[in-house]
Amino acid sequence: VQFVQSGGGLVQPGGSLRLSCAASGFTFSSYSMSWYRQVPEKPREFVASINDNSAATNYAGSVLGRFTISRDNAKNTVYLQMNSLKPDDTAVYYCHRSLYSDWGQGTQVTVSS
């Protein structure tokens, strides 16, 4: 199982970023996927999840209405569109195969003026 994440970086407050996570090594279309984030010295926290056919999504309250999780099963890729970013969104973001111990390498998102 392998994930290749991309799309992080530095953005000003109120800006947008889209994270991507390309998966391989398993039947991507059969599994729910999630995004988590972590800041130093704090536990990794749930951000959003999406089921196998995109029919169901869930979000942490702190990102609801600002972030959108989506997937393209033809491309084996899950996305996280992040809008109206705040400094508190600064973290390393990880994609995750839900209920398994498979994680992406992490990508840094920094929201700062």
C-alpha atoms as a PDB file:
ATOM      1  CA  VAL A   1       0.000   0.000   0.000  1.00  0.00           C
ATOM      2  CA  GLN A   2       1.361   3.407  -0.937  1.00  0.00           C
ATOM      3  CA  PHE A   3       0.073   6.966  -0.857  1.00  0.00           C
ATOM      4  CA  VAL A   4       1.630   9.964  -2.569  1.00  0.00           C
ATOM      5  CA  GLN A   5       0.398  13.266  -1.216  1.00  0.00           C
ATOM      6  CA  SER A   6       0.711  16.655  -2.869  1.00  0.00           C
ATOM      7  CA  GLY A   7      -0.696  20.148  -2.730  1.00  0.00           C
ATOM      8  CA  GLY A   8       0.395  21.596   0.602  1.00  0.00           C
ATOM      9  CA  GLY A   9       2.182  24.876   1.131  1.00  0.00           C
ATOM     10  CA  LEU A  10       1.962  28.380   2.542  1.00  0.00           C
ATOM     11  CA  VAL A  11      -1.236  30.377   2.129  1.00  0.00           C
ATOM     12  CA  GLN A  12      -2.598  33.582   3.607  1.00  0.00           C
ATOM     13  CA  PRO A  13      -5.624  33.541   5.924  1.00  0.00           C
ATOM     14  CA  GLY A  14      -8.800  33.320   3.864  1.00  0.00           C
ATOM     15  CA  GLY A  15      -7.021  31.534   1.056  1.00  0.00           C
ATOM     16  CA  SER A  16      -7.528  28.082  -0.433  1.00  0.00           C
ATOM     17  CA  LEU A  17      -5.517  24.936  -1.060  1.00  0.00           C
ATOM     18  CA  ARG A  18      -6.330  21.528  -2.478  1.00  0.00           C
ATOM     19  CA  LEU A  19      -4.581  18.443  -1.190  1.00  0.00           C
ATOM     20  CA  SER A  20      -4.327  15.268  -3.244  1.00  0.00           C
ATOM     21  CA  CYS A  21      -3.510  11.724  -2.223  1.00  0.00           C
ATOM     22  CA  ALA A  22      -2.840   9.152  -4.925  1.00  0.00           C
ATOM     23  CA  ALA A  23      -3.181   5.571  -3.703  1.00  0.00           C
ATOM     24  CA  SER A  24      -1.818   2.267  -4.979  1.00  0.00           C
ATOM     25  CA  GLY A  25      -1.470  -1.314  -3.799  1.00  0.00           C
ATOM     26  CA  PHE A  26      -5.097  -1.981  -2.969  1.00  0.00           C
ATOM     27  CA  THR A  27      -8.543  -1.758  -4.558  1.00  0.00           C
ATOM     28  CA  PHE A  28      -9.065   1.930  -3.875  1.00  0.00           C
ATOM     29  CA  SER A  29     -12.724   1.977  -4.907  1.00  0.00           C
ATOM     30  CA  SER A  30     -13.620  -0.531  -2.176  1.00  0.00           C
ATOM     31  CA  TYR A  31     -12.483   1.510   0.821  1.00  0.00           C
ATOM     32  CA  SER A  32     -13.456   4.612   2.723  1.00  0.00           C
ATOM     33  CA  MET A  33     -10.759   7.229   2.933  1.00  0.00           C
ATOM     34  CA  SER A  34     -10.031   9.947   5.468  1.00  0.00           C
ATOM     35  CA  TRP A  35      -7.925  13.013   6.074  1.00  0.00           C
ATOM     36  CA  TYR A  36      -6.320  13.755   9.432  1.00  0.00           C
ATOM     37  CA  ARG A  37      -4.042  16.526  10.630  1.00  0.00           C
ATOM     38  CA  GLN A  38      -1.485  16.949  13.367  1.00  0.00           C
ATOM     39  CA  VAL A  39       0.348  19.792  15.045  1.00  0.00           C
ATOM     40  CA  PRO A  40       3.453  19.287  17.186  1.00  0.00           C
ATOM     41  CA  GLU A  41       2.867  17.760  20.619  1.00  0.00           C
ATOM     42  CA  LYS A  42      -0.816  17.072  19.937  1.00  0.00           C
ATOM     43  CA  PRO A  43      -2.606  13.907  18.852  1.00  0.00           C
ATOM     44  CA  ARG A  44      -3.511  13.441  15.219  1.00  0.00           C
ATOM     45  CA  GLU A  45      -7.079  14.657  14.708  1.00  0.00           C
ATOM     46  CA  PHE A  46      -9.814  13.669  12.286  1.00  0.00           C
ATOM     47  CA  VAL A  47     -10.633  16.154   9.540  1.00  0.00           C
ATOM     48  CA  ALA A  48     -12.928  14.430   7.040  1.00  0.00           C
ATOM     49  CA  SER A  49     -13.911  11.065   5.584  1.00  0.00           C
ATOM     50  CA  ILE A  50     -15.621   9.761   2.484  1.00  0.00           C
ATOM     51  CA  ASN A  51     -17.076   6.329   1.800  1.00  0.00           C
ATOM     52  CA  ASP A  52     -16.165   4.124  -1.127  1.00  0.00           C
ATOM     53  CA  ASN A  53     -18.689   5.494  -3.644  1.00  0.00           C
ATOM     54  CA  SER A  54     -18.733   9.124  -2.409  1.00  0.00           C
ATOM     55  CA  ALA A  55     -22.294   8.785  -1.142  1.00  0.00           C
ATOM     56  CA  ALA A  56     -21.390   9.700   2.437  1.00  0.00           C
ATOM     57  CA  THR A  57     -19.004  12.244   3.890  1.00  0.00           C
ATOM     58  CA  ASN A  58     -18.212  13.370   7.428  1.00  0.00           C
ATOM     59  CA  TYR A  59     -16.376  16.401   8.736  1.00  0.00           C
ATOM     60  CA  ALA A  60     -14.907  17.651  11.962  1.00  0.00           C
ATOM     61  CA  GLY A  61     -16.903  20.557  13.311  1.00  0.00           C
ATOM     62  CA  SER A  62     -13.926  22.872  12.988  1.00  0.00           C
ATOM     63  CA  VAL A  63     -13.800  22.477   9.190  1.00  0.00           C
ATOM     64  CA  LEU A  64     -17.468  21.943   8.338  1.00  0.00           C
ATOM     65  CA  GLY A  65     -18.564  24.339   5.629  1.00  0.00           C
ATOM     66  CA  ARG A  66     -14.986  25.242   4.684  1.00  0.00           C
ATOM     67  CA  PHE A  67     -13.398  21.931   3.634  1.00  0.00           C
ATOM     68  CA  THR A  68     -14.685  19.427   1.083  1.00  0.00           C
ATOM     69  CA  ILE A  69     -13.478  15.868   0.718  1.00  0.00           C
ATOM     70  CA  SER A  70     -13.907  14.117  -2.623  1.00  0.00           C
ATOM     71  CA  ARG A  71     -12.485  11.204  -4.560  1.00  0.00           C
ATOM     72  CA  ASP A  72     -11.944  10.000  -8.094  1.00  0.00           C
ATOM     73  CA  ASN A  73     -11.962   6.211  -8.130  1.00  0.00           C
ATOM     74  CA  ALA A  74     -10.815   6.149 -11.750  1.00  0.00           C
ATOM     75  CA  LYS A  75      -7.635   7.950 -10.658  1.00  0.00           C
ATOM     76  CA  ASN A  76      -7.294   6.211  -7.247  1.00  0.00           C
ATOM     77  CA  THR A  77      -7.112   9.653  -5.679  1.00  0.00           C
ATOM     78  CA  VAL A  78      -8.747  11.389  -2.740  1.00  0.00           C
ATOM     79  CA  TYR A  79      -8.815  15.172  -2.417  1.00  0.00           C
ATOM     80  CA  LEU A  80      -9.301  17.746   0.301  1.00  0.00           C
ATOM     81  CA  GLN A  81     -10.398  21.181  -0.892  1.00  0.00           C
ATOM     82  CA  MET A  82      -9.708  23.707   1.848  1.00  0.00           C
ATOM     83  CA  ASN A  83     -11.290  27.157   1.635  1.00  0.00           C
ATOM     84  CA  SER A  84     -11.414  30.109   4.018  1.00  0.00           C
ATOM     85  CA  LEU A  85      -8.276  28.858   5.676  1.00  0.00           C
ATOM     86  CA  LYS A  86      -7.409  30.047   9.174  1.00  0.00           C
ATOM     87  CA  PRO A  87      -4.106  30.064  11.075  1.00  0.00           C
ATOM     88  CA  ASP A  88      -5.544  27.282  13.274  1.00  0.00           C
ATOM     89  CA  ASP A  89      -5.640  25.046  10.192  1.00  0.00           C
ATOM     90  CA  THR A  90      -1.840  25.015  10.149  1.00  0.00           C
ATOM     91  CA  ALA A  91      -0.772  21.383  10.497  1.00  0.00           C
ATOM     92  CA  VAL A  92       0.658  18.391   8.721  1.00  0.00           C
ATOM     93  CA  TYR A  93      -2.175  16.721   6.834  1.00  0.00           C
ATOM     94  CA  TYR A  94      -2.313  12.963   6.283  1.00  0.00           C
ATOM     95  CA  CYS A  95      -4.505  10.810   4.090  1.00  0.00           C
ATOM     96  CA  HIS A  96      -5.588   7.524   5.589  1.00  0.00           C
ATOM     97  CA  ARG A  97      -7.307   4.339   4.520  1.00  0.00           C
ATOM     98  CA  SER A  98     -10.112   4.258   7.055  1.00  0.00           C
ATOM     99  CA  LEU A  99      -9.971   1.484   9.675  1.00  0.00           C
ATOM    100  CA  TYR A 100      -6.514   0.386   8.525  1.00  0.00           C
ATOM    101  CA  SER A 101      -3.016   1.398   9.579  1.00  0.00           C
ATOM    102  CA  ASP A 102      -2.172   2.887   6.193  1.00  0.00           C
ATOM    103  CA  TRP A 103      -1.136   6.551   6.117  1.00  0.00           C
ATOM    104  CA  GLY A 104       0.261   8.983   3.627  1.00  0.00           C
ATOM    105  CA  GLN A 105       3.623  10.656   4.192  1.00  0.00           C
ATOM    106  CA  GLY A 106       2.031  13.908   5.312  1.00  0.00           C
ATOM    107  CA  THR A 107       2.043  17.333   3.726  1.00  0.00           C
ATOM    108  CA  GLN A 108       2.582  20.627   5.514  1.00  0.00           C
ATOM    109  CA  VAL A 109      -0.117  23.293   5.338  1.00  0.00           C
ATOM    110  CA  THR A 110       0.814  26.672   6.803  1.00  0.00           C
ATOM    111  CA  VAL A 111      -1.717  29.502   7.040  1.00  0.00           C
ATOM    112  CA  SER A 112      -0.001  32.762   7.820  1.00  0.00           C
ATOM    113  CA  SER A 113       0.178  36.362   6.685  1.00  0.00           C
END
